[in-house]
Protein backbone atom coordinates (compact mmCIF):
# COMPACT_ATOMS: atom_id res chain seq x y z
CA UNK A 1 -8.34 21.54 -26.07
CA UNK A 2 -9.97 18.53 -27.80
CA UNK A 3 -9.78 14.89 -26.75
CA UNK A 4 -9.90 13.58 -30.31
CA UNK A 5 -9.43 15.32 -33.67
CA UNK A 6 -10.15 13.64 -37.01
CA UNK A 7 -9.41 15.08 -40.43
CA UNK A 8 -11.50 13.75 -43.32
CA UNK A 9 -9.29 13.66 -46.40
CA UNK A 10 -9.43 11.97 -49.80
CA UNK A 11 -6.44 9.72 -50.47
CA UNK A 12 -5.27 11.71 -53.51
CA UNK A 13 -5.39 15.11 -51.74
CA UNK A 14 -2.07 15.07 -49.92
CA UNK A 15 -1.54 18.82 -50.25
CA UNK A 16 -4.91 19.51 -48.63
CA UNK A 17 -3.99 17.25 -45.74
CA UNK A 18 -0.71 19.10 -45.27
CA UNK A 19 -2.52 22.46 -45.33
CA UNK A 20 -5.06 21.25 -42.79
CA UNK A 21 -2.32 19.97 -40.50
CA UNK A 22 -0.68 23.41 -40.71
CA UNK A 23 -4.00 25.01 -39.73
CA UNK A 24 -4.27 22.65 -36.76
CA UNK A 25 -0.73 23.41 -35.59
CA UNK A 26 -1.51 27.15 -35.68
CA UNK A 27 -4.13 26.69 -32.95
CA UNK A 28 -2.23 24.13 -30.91
CA UNK A 29 -3.69 20.88 -32.25
CA UNK A 30 -0.82 18.45 -32.71
CA UNK A 31 -2.49 15.05 -32.35
CA UNK A 32 -4.81 14.16 -35.24
CA UNK A 33 -6.23 11.09 -36.88
CA UNK A 34 -6.61 11.02 -40.65
CA UNK A 35 -9.80 9.36 -41.91
CA UNK A 36 -9.63 8.39 -45.57
CA UNK A 37 -12.68 10.09 -47.02
CA UNK A 38 -15.25 7.99 -48.84
CA UNK A 39 -15.48 9.23 -52.45
CA UNK A 40 -18.83 10.28 -53.87
CA UNK A 41 -19.42 14.01 -53.50
CA UNK A 42 -22.02 15.05 -50.90
CA UNK A 43 -23.02 11.44 -50.29
CA UNK A 44 -19.41 10.38 -49.73
CA UNK A 45 -18.85 13.33 -47.42
CA UNK A 46 -21.91 12.40 -45.37
CA UNK A 47 -20.82 8.76 -45.17
CA UNK A 48 -17.36 9.85 -44.03
CA UNK A 49 -18.76 11.96 -41.19
CA UNK A 50 -21.04 9.10 -40.19
CA UNK A 51 -18.15 6.62 -40.07
CA UNK A 52 -16.00 9.01 -38.04
CA UNK A 53 -18.78 9.43 -35.47
CA UNK A 54 -19.12 5.66 -35.19
CA UNK A 55 -15.54 5.60 -33.88
CA UNK A 56 -16.56 7.54 -30.77
CA UNK A 57 -17.10 11.03 -29.40
CA UNK A 58 -16.44 13.65 -28.21
CA UNK A 59 -14.59 14.38 -31.43
CA UNK A 60 -13.63 17.40 -33.48
CA UNK A 61 -14.28 16.51 -37.13
CA UNK A 62 -12.42 18.62 -39.65
CA UNK A 63 -12.70 18.53 -43.41
CA UNK A 64 -9.50 19.15 -45.33
CA UNK A 65 -10.56 22.63 -46.44
CA UNK A 66 -10.78 24.17 -42.97
CA UNK A 67 -9.01 27.49 -42.40
CA UNK A 68 -8.92 28.90 -38.88
CA UNK A 69 -9.05 32.63 -38.14
CA UNK A 70 -5.97 34.21 -36.55
CA UNK A 71 -7.67 34.41 -33.15
CA UNK A 72 -9.36 30.99 -33.40
CA UNK A 73 -7.53 29.47 -30.42
CA UNK A 74 -8.81 32.20 -28.07
CA UNK A 75 -12.35 32.06 -29.44
CA UNK A 76 -12.49 28.25 -29.26
CA UNK A 77 -11.30 28.23 -25.64
CA UNK A 78 -14.02 30.75 -24.72
CA UNK A 79 -16.68 28.84 -26.62
CA UNK A 80 -15.81 25.56 -24.91
CA UNK A 81 -16.21 27.21 -21.49
CA UNK A 82 -19.61 28.63 -22.46
CA UNK A 83 -21.15 25.41 -23.81
CA UNK A 84 -24.26 24.31 -21.91
CA UNK A 85 -24.15 20.96 -20.12
CA UNK A 86 -26.53 19.39 -22.63
CA UNK A 87 -24.79 20.48 -25.85
CA UNK A 88 -24.87 18.32 -28.97
CA UNK A 89 -22.41 19.97 -31.33
CA UNK A 90 -20.36 23.08 -31.80
CA UNK A 91 -19.73 24.51 -35.25
CA UNK A 92 -16.29 26.12 -35.35
CA UNK A 93 -17.44 27.97 -38.43
CA UNK A 94 -20.46 27.95 -40.68
CA UNK A 95 -22.18 29.58 -43.59
CA UNK A 96 -25.54 30.21 -41.97
CA UNK A 97 -28.78 30.41 -43.93
CA UNK A 98 -30.50 32.81 -41.50
CA UNK A 99 -29.19 35.13 -38.79
CA UNK A 100 -28.09 33.19 -35.72
CA UNK A 101 -29.36 34.01 -32.22
CA UNK A 102 -26.84 35.02 -29.56
CA UNK A 103 -26.58 32.36 -26.85
CA UNK A 104 -23.65 33.78 -24.84
CA UNK A 105 -20.73 36.17 -25.26
CA UNK A 106 -19.06 33.83 -27.76
CA UNK A 107 -21.74 31.36 -28.85
CA UNK A 108 -24.65 31.70 -31.23
CA UNK A 109 -27.51 29.25 -31.79
CA UNK A 110 -28.05 28.44 -35.46
CA UNK A 111 -31.76 28.45 -36.24
CA UNK A 112 -31.90 28.24 -40.03
CA UNK A 113 -29.34 25.60 -40.90
CA UNK A 114 -25.91 25.86 -42.48
CA UNK A 115 -24.15 25.05 -45.71
CA UNK A 116 -21.04 23.47 -44.31
CA UNK A 117 -19.51 20.78 -42.16
CA UNK A 118 -15.85 21.80 -42.31
CA UNK A 119 -15.31 21.95 -38.53
CA UNK A 120 -17.76 20.42 -36.04
CA UNK A 121 -17.07 19.40 -32.46
CA UNK A 122 -19.48 16.61 -31.46
CA UNK A 123 -20.41 15.65 -27.91
CA UNK A 124 -21.13 12.02 -27.05
CA UNK A 125 -24.81 12.93 -26.81
CA UNK A 126 -24.83 14.69 -30.17
CA UNK A 127 -22.99 11.89 -31.95
CA UNK A 128 -25.31 9.29 -30.44
CA UNK A 129 -28.34 11.30 -31.52
CA UNK A 130 -27.05 11.48 -35.05
CA UNK A 131 -26.10 7.82 -35.27
CA UNK A 132 -29.49 6.73 -33.93
CA UNK A 133 -31.53 8.97 -36.23
CA UNK A 134 -29.66 9.30 -39.49
CA UNK A 135 -27.63 7.19 -41.82
CA UNK A 136 -26.28 7.83 -45.32
CA UNK A 137 -29.13 7.61 -47.81
CA UNK A 138 -31.94 8.07 -45.27
CA UNK A 139 -34.76 10.16 -46.72
CA UNK A 140 -32.47 11.01 -49.66
CA UNK A 141 -30.72 13.53 -47.43
CA UNK A 142 -27.05 13.27 -48.30
CA UNK A 143 -25.80 16.35 -46.51
CA UNK A 144 -25.32 16.17 -42.79
CA UNK A 145 -25.83 19.92 -42.44
CA UNK A 146 -29.23 19.65 -44.12
CA UNK A 147 -30.22 16.77 -41.84
CA UNK A 148 -29.19 18.73 -38.76
CA UNK A 149 -31.44 21.57 -39.85
CA UNK A 150 -34.43 19.26 -40.33
CA UNK A 151 -34.26 17.92 -36.79
CA UNK A 152 -33.71 21.34 -35.18
């Protein structure tokens, strides 16, 4: 389903890592890479995502608090088939700020930003765009989700 899956996890949160691995197994993800999260709240989270993307894409980046819906495997497979050729990223879940616009049967386009980064699948193009235009501390924007909203 995904070429590369990375879980961002703080060193002292072993139980969260185990729970996230269980969530992955439920939807058929058995090969994962653990990235030791950079401490520091929102700033550390942003830096962790940035460092993961530097290691190459496409990549599914999961935070250690992700919980997949029972039918997630089916929905994800549909969503992957419906992605446009020029896609940048796919949120596998989000707390949206404004109603999203339907793009296809399964996909919605987020127009008002989100409040989360717990499960994002990045294309090579999307990762490159982020790495070229944002870095931790730029414009005092520490949250990746806020940055994504500002660039549309």
